[in-house]
Amino acid sequence: MHQKNWQKSSFSSSSDNCVEVRTVDGLIEVRESDASELILHTAAATFAELLRAIKSGELDHHA
């Protein structure tokens, strides 16, 4: 599966500074729109765990 288009967070609204995500060959790619040349590649399960931790507030102490 290859998703050519990046999807940005729904929390970004019309802002150009946001996190964008896409899938490429079974991996998840994540980038920040204002630094689009830097792309993080990760497994779907790892990305799902990151999202779970963010949503539960486990990482709030880093803010």
PDB file of N, CA and C in Angstrom:
ATOM      1  N   MET A   1       0.846  -1.187   0.000  1.00  0.00           N
ATOM      2  CA  MET A   1       0.000   0.000   0.000  1.00  0.00           C
ATOM      3  C   MET A   1       0.880   1.234   0.000  1.00  0.00           C
ATOM      4  N   HIS A   2       0.577   2.161  -0.863  1.00  0.00           N
ATOM      5  CA  HIS A   2       1.347   3.398  -0.938  1.00  0.00           C
ATOM      6  C   HIS A   2       0.381   4.562  -1.052  1.00  0.00           C
ATOM      7  N   GLN A   3       0.447   5.425  -0.102  1.00  0.00           N
ATOM      8  CA  GLN A   3      -0.400   6.609  -0.113  1.00  0.00           C
ATOM      9  C   GLN A   3       0.500   7.785  -0.449  1.00  0.00           C
ATOM     10  N   LYS A   4       0.381   8.312  -1.647  1.00  0.00           N
ATOM     11  CA  LYS A   4       1.278   9.373  -2.102  1.00  0.00           C
ATOM     12  C   LYS A   4       1.061  10.677  -1.360  1.00  0.00           C
ATOM     13  N   ASN A   5      -0.165  10.973  -1.042  1.00  0.00           N
ATOM     14  CA  ASN A   5      -0.487  12.254  -0.423  1.00  0.00           C
ATOM     15  C   ASN A   5      -0.324  12.209   1.079  1.00  0.00           C
ATOM     16  N   TRP A   6       0.262  13.245   1.607  1.00  0.00           N
ATOM     17  CA  TRP A   6       0.396  13.378   3.052  1.00  0.00           C
ATOM     18  C   TRP A   6      -0.940  13.827   3.626  1.00  0.00           C
ATOM     19  N   GLN A   7      -1.278  13.315   4.797  1.00  0.00           N
ATOM     20  CA  GLN A   7      -2.483  13.749   5.512  1.00  0.00           C
ATOM     21  C   GLN A   7      -2.036  14.535   6.722  1.00  0.00           C
ATOM     22  N   LYS A   8      -2.662  15.681   6.942  1.00  0.00           N
ATOM     23  CA  LYS A   8      -2.299  16.448   8.125  1.00  0.00           C
ATOM     24  C   LYS A   8      -3.348  16.250   9.211  1.00  0.00           C
ATOM     25  N   SER A   9      -2.939  16.531  10.411  1.00  0.00           N
ATOM     26  CA  SER A   9      -3.815  16.377  11.562  1.00  0.00           C
ATOM     27  C   SER A   9      -5.055  17.247  11.413  1.00  0.00           C
ATOM     28  N   SER A  10      -6.190  16.726  11.827  1.00  0.00           N
ATOM     29  CA  SER A  10      -7.428  17.518  11.791  1.00  0.00           C
ATOM     30  C   SER A  10      -7.371  18.668  12.783  1.00  0.00           C
ATOM     31  N   PHE A  11      -6.457  18.605  13.751  1.00  0.00           N
ATOM     32  CA  PHE A  11      -6.296  19.686  14.717  1.00  0.00           C
ATOM     33  C   PHE A  11      -5.539  20.867  14.121  1.00  0.00           C
ATOM     34  N   SER A  12      -4.946  20.699  12.957  1.00  0.00           N
ATOM     35  CA  SER A  12      -4.156  21.754  12.333  1.00  0.00           C
ATOM     36  C   SER A  12      -5.006  22.789  11.616  1.00  0.00           C
ATOM     37  N   SER A  13      -6.254  22.464  11.329  1.00  0.00           N
ATOM     38  CA  SER A  13      -7.166  23.348  10.602  1.00  0.00           C
ATOM     39  C   SER A  13      -6.509  23.854   9.328  1.00  0.00           C
ATOM     40  N   SER A  14      -6.450  25.158   9.184  1.00  0.00           N
ATOM     41  CA  SER A  14      -5.874  25.731   7.970  1.00  0.00           C
ATOM     42  C   SER A  14      -4.414  26.119   8.151  1.00  0.00           C
ATOM     43  N   SER A  15      -3.837  25.791   9.281  1.00  0.00           N
ATOM     44  CA  SER A  15      -2.446  26.129   9.557  1.00  0.00           C
ATOM     45  C   SER A  15      -1.503  25.337   8.662  1.00  0.00           C
ATOM     46  N   ASP A  16      -0.406  25.972   8.276  1.00  0.00           N
ATOM     47  CA  ASP A  16       0.595  25.281   7.464  1.00  0.00           C
ATOM     48  C   ASP A  16       1.619  24.557   8.331  1.00  0.00           C
ATOM     49  N   ASN A  17       1.676  24.839   9.616  1.00  0.00           N
ATOM     50  CA  ASN A  17       2.612  24.182  10.523  1.00  0.00           C
ATOM     51  C   ASN A  17       1.887  23.033  11.213  1.00  0.00           C
ATOM     52  N   CYS A  18       2.160  21.816  10.741  1.00  0.00           N
ATOM     53  CA  CYS A  18       1.436  20.680  11.281  1.00  0.00           C
ATOM     54  C   CYS A  18       2.233  19.401  11.087  1.00  0.00           C
ATOM     55  N   VAL A  19       1.762  18.356  11.728  1.00  0.00           N
ATOM     56  CA  VAL A  19       2.316  17.022  11.546  1.00  0.00           C
ATOM     57  C   VAL A  19       1.549  16.361  10.413  1.00  0.00           C
ATOM     58  N   GLU A  20       2.282  15.710   9.513  1.00  0.00           N
ATOM     59  CA  GLU A  20       1.672  15.021   8.381  1.00  0.00           C
ATOM     60  C   GLU A  20       2.069  13.548   8.413  1.00  0.00           C
ATOM     61  N   VAL A  21       1.176  12.693   7.949  1.00  0.00           N
ATOM     62  CA  VAL A  21       1.380  11.242   8.007  1.00  0.00           C
ATOM     63  C   VAL A  21       0.972  10.625   6.669  1.00  0.00           C
ATOM     64  N   ARG A  22       1.681   9.562   6.289  1.00  0.00           N
ATOM     65  CA  ARG A  22       1.272   8.753   5.143  1.00  0.00           C
ATOM     66  C   ARG A  22       1.829   7.339   5.312  1.00  0.00           C
ATOM     67  N   THR A  23       1.319   6.415   4.520  1.00  0.00           N
ATOM     68  CA  THR A  23       1.828   5.042   4.536  1.00  0.00           C
ATOM     69  C   THR A  23       2.598   4.773   3.251  1.00  0.00           C
ATOM     70  N   VAL A  24       3.703   4.052   3.387  1.00  0.00           N
ATOM     71  CA  VAL A  24       4.519   3.663   2.240  1.00  0.00           C
ATOM     72  C   VAL A  24       5.043   2.252   2.493  1.00  0.00           C
ATOM     73  N   ASP A  25       4.674   1.335   1.645  1.00  0.00           N
ATOM     74  CA  ASP A  25       5.160  -0.046   1.726  1.00  0.00           C
ATOM     75  C   ASP A  25       5.006  -0.654   3.119  1.00  0.00           C
ATOM     76  N   GLY A  26       3.862  -0.435   3.749  1.00  0.00           N
ATOM     77  CA  GLY A  26       3.580  -1.026   5.052  1.00  0.00           C
ATOM     78  C   GLY A  26       4.157  -0.268   6.228  1.00  0.00           C
ATOM     79  N   LEU A  27       4.894   0.804   5.982  1.00  0.00           N
ATOM     80  CA  LEU A  27       5.440   1.621   7.061  1.00  0.00           C
ATOM     81  C   LEU A  27       4.668   2.928   7.155  1.00  0.00           C
ATOM     82  N   ILE A  28       4.772   3.553   8.297  1.00  0.00           N
ATOM     83  CA  ILE A  28       4.181   4.863   8.513  1.00  0.00           C
ATOM     84  C   ILE A  28       5.296   5.893   8.375  1.00  0.00           C
ATOM     85  N   GLU A  29       5.041   6.955   7.633  1.00  0.00           N
ATOM     86  CA  GLU A  29       5.984   8.068   7.537  1.00  0.00           C
ATOM     87  C   GLU A  29       5.347   9.280   8.196  1.00  0.00           C
ATOM     88  N   VAL A  30       6.151   9.983   8.990  1.00  0.00           N
ATOM     89  CA  VAL A  30       5.680  11.152   9.719  1.00  0.00           C
ATOM     90  C   VAL A  30       6.666  12.287   9.465  1.00  0.00           C
ATOM     91  N   ARG A  31       6.136  13.466   9.228  1.00  0.00           N
ATOM     92  CA  ARG A  31       6.992  14.637   9.053  1.00  0.00           C
ATOM     93  C   ARG A  31       6.287  15.871   9.597  1.00  0.00           C
ATOM     94  N   GLU A  32       7.045  16.910   9.804  1.00  0.00           N
ATOM     95  CA  GLU A  32       6.492  18.207  10.180  1.00  0.00           C
ATOM     96  C   GLU A  32       6.464  19.050   8.914  1.00  0.00           C
ATOM     97  N   SER A  33       5.377  19.706   8.643  1.00  0.00           N
ATOM     98  CA  SER A  33       5.210  20.391   7.370  1.00  0.00           C
ATOM     99  C   SER A  33       6.272  21.461   7.118  1.00  0.00           C
ATOM    100  N   ASP A  34       6.745  22.111   8.162  1.00  0.00           N
ATOM    101  CA  ASP A  34       7.747  23.157   7.952  1.00  0.00           C
ATOM    102  C   ASP A  34       9.176  22.615   7.895  1.00  0.00           C
ATOM    103  N   ALA A  35       9.345  21.299   8.023  1.00  0.00           N
ATOM    104  CA  ALA A  35      10.648  20.633   7.863  1.00  0.00           C
ATOM    105  C   ALA A  35      10.426  19.351   7.068  1.00  0.00           C
ATOM    106  N   SER A  36       9.826  19.488   5.897  1.00  0.00           N
ATOM    107  CA  SER A  36       9.344  18.332   5.142  1.00  0.00           C
ATOM    108  C   SER A  36      10.441  17.403   4.636  1.00  0.00           C
ATOM    109  N   GLU A  37      11.694  17.846   4.657  1.00  0.00           N
ATOM    110  CA  GLU A  37      12.778  16.971   4.205  1.00  0.00           C
ATOM    111  C   GLU A  37      13.163  15.940   5.263  1.00  0.00           C
ATOM    112  N   LEU A  38      12.732  16.132   6.508  1.00  0.00           N
ATOM    113  CA  LEU A  38      13.007  15.192   7.599  1.00  0.00           C
ATOM    114  C   LEU A  38      11.793  14.298   7.796  1.00  0.00           C
ATOM    115  N   ILE A  39      11.968  13.002   7.517  1.00  0.00           N
ATOM    116  CA  ILE A  39      10.851  12.059   7.587  1.00  0.00           C
ATOM    117  C   ILE A  39      11.199  10.929   8.537  1.00  0.00           C
ATOM    118  N   LEU A  40      10.309  10.677   9.485  1.00  0.00           N
ATOM    119  CA  LEU A  40      10.439   9.568  10.419  1.00  0.00           C
ATOM    120  C   LEU A  40       9.696   8.369   9.841  1.00  0.00           C
ATOM    121  N   HIS A  41      10.360   7.229   9.781  1.00  0.00           N
ATOM    122  CA  HIS A  41       9.754   5.985   9.292  1.00  0.00           C
ATOM    123  C   HIS A  41       9.572   5.058  10.492  1.00  0.00           C
ATOM    124  N   THR A  42       8.384   4.475  10.628  1.00  0.00           N
ATOM    125  CA  THR A  42       8.129   3.577  11.748  1.00  0.00           C
ATOM    126  C   THR A  42       7.094   2.525  11.369  1.00  0.00           C
ATOM    127  N   ALA A  43       7.033   1.485  12.159  1.00  0.00           N
ATOM    128  CA  ALA A  43       6.038   0.428  11.942  1.00  0.00           C
ATOM    129  C   ALA A  43       4.667   0.909  12.422  1.00  0.00           C
ATOM    130  N   ALA A  44       3.639   0.359  11.830  1.00  0.00           N
ATOM    131  CA  ALA A  44       2.275   0.761  12.186  1.00  0.00           C
ATOM    132  C   ALA A  44       1.988   0.530  13.670  1.00  0.00           C
ATOM    133  N   ALA A  45       2.433  -0.584  14.224  1.00  0.00           N
ATOM    134  CA  ALA A  45       2.182  -0.880  15.640  1.00  0.00           C
ATOM    135  C   ALA A  45       2.884   0.122  16.547  1.00  0.00           C
ATOM    136  N   THR A  46       4.077   0.535  16.190  1.00  0.00           N
ATOM    137  CA  THR A  46       4.814   1.519  16.979  1.00  0.00           C
ATOM    138  C   THR A  46       4.125   2.871  16.927  1.00  0.00           C
ATOM    139  N   PHE A  47       3.649   3.251  15.750  1.00  0.00           N
ATOM    140  CA  PHE A  47       2.938   4.522  15.603  1.00  0.00           C
ATOM    141  C   PHE A  47       1.628   4.492  16.397  1.00  0.00           C
ATOM    142  N   ALA A  48       0.935   3.373  16.355  1.00  0.00           N
ATOM    143  CA  ALA A  48      -0.308   3.232  17.122  1.00  0.00           C
ATOM    144  C   ALA A  48      -0.039   3.374  18.617  1.00  0.00           C
ATOM    145  N   GLU A  49       1.067   2.818  19.098  1.00  0.00           N
ATOM    146  CA  GLU A  49       1.428   2.943  20.512  1.00  0.00           C
ATOM    147  C   GLU A  49       1.748   4.393  20.864  1.00  0.00           C
ATOM    148  N   LEU A  50       2.441   5.096  19.970  1.00  0.00           N
ATOM    149  CA  LEU A  50       2.724   6.517  20.192  1.00  0.00           C
ATOM    150  C   LEU A  50       1.425   7.311  20.299  1.00  0.00           C
ATOM    151  N   LEU A  51       0.496   7.080  19.391  1.00  0.00           N
ATOM    152  CA  LEU A  51      -0.787   7.786  19.442  1.00  0.00           C
ATOM    153  C   LEU A  51      -1.546   7.471  20.729  1.00  0.00           C
ATOM    154  N   ARG A  52      -1.509   6.208  21.155  1.00  0.00           N
ATOM    155  CA  ARG A  52      -2.185   5.827  22.398  1.00  0.00           C
ATOM    156  C   ARG A  52      -1.571   6.579  23.577  1.00  0.00           C
ATOM    157  N   ALA A  53      -0.248   6.657  23.634  1.00  0.00           N
ATOM    158  CA  ALA A  53       0.443   7.343  24.728  1.00  0.00           C
ATOM    159  C   ALA A  53       0.125   8.838  24.726  1.00  0.00           C
ATOM    160  N   ILE A  54       0.070   9.442  23.549  1.00  0.00           N
ATOM    161  CA  ILE A  54      -0.261  10.864  23.452  1.00  0.00           C
ATOM    162  C   ILE A  54      -1.681  11.109  23.944  1.00  0.00           C
ATOM    163  N   LYS A  55      -2.615  10.313  23.449  1.00  0.00           N
ATOM    164  CA  LYS A  55      -4.017  10.485  23.832  1.00  0.00           C
ATOM    165  C   LYS A  55      -4.264  10.262  25.324  1.00  0.00           C
ATOM    166  N   SER A  56      -3.510   9.371  25.938  1.00  0.00           N
ATOM    167  CA  SER A  56      -3.710   9.080  27.362  1.00  0.00           C
ATOM    168  C   SER A  56      -3.008  10.090  28.263  1.00  0.00           C
ATOM    169  N   GLY A  57      -2.183  10.965  27.678  1.00  0.00           N
ATOM    170  CA  GLY A  57      -1.498  11.981  28.476  1.00  0.00           C
ATOM    171  C   GLY A  57      -0.156  11.526  29.053  1.00  0.00           C
ATOM    172  N   GLU A  58       0.298  10.345  28.673  1.00  0.00           N
ATOM    173  CA  GLU A  58       1.545   9.806  29.211  1.00  0.00           C
ATOM    174  C   GLU A  58       2.755  10.675  28.879  1.00  0.00           C
ATOM    175  N   LEU A  59       2.664  11.457  27.836  1.00  0.00           N
ATOM    176  CA  LEU A  59       3.807  12.258  27.397  1.00  0.00           C
ATOM    177  C   LEU A  59       3.668  13.741  27.721  1.00  0.00           C
ATOM    178  N   ASP A  60       2.626  14.108  28.456  1.00  0.00           N
ATOM    179  CA  ASP A  60       2.365  15.514  28.744  1.00  0.00           C
ATOM    180  C   ASP A  60       3.499  16.189  29.505  1.00  0.00           C
ATOM    181  N   HIS A  61       4.248  15.451  30.284  1.00  0.00           N
ATOM    182  CA  HIS A  61       5.334  16.053  31.065  1.00  0.00           C
ATOM    183  C   HIS A  61       6.477  16.523  30.173  1.00  0.00           C
ATOM    184  N   HIS A  62       6.466  16.177  28.882  1.00  0.00           N
ATOM    185  CA  HIS A  62       7.492  16.631  27.946  1.00  0.00           C
ATOM    186  C   HIS A  62       7.118  17.960  27.287  1.00  0.00           C
ATOM    187  N   ALA A  63       5.898  18.397  27.474  1.00  0.00           N
ATOM    188  CA  ALA A  63       5.423  19.626  26.819  1.00  0.00           C
ATOM    189  C   ALA A  63       6.024  20.868  27.435  1.00  0.00           C
TER     190      ALA A  63
END
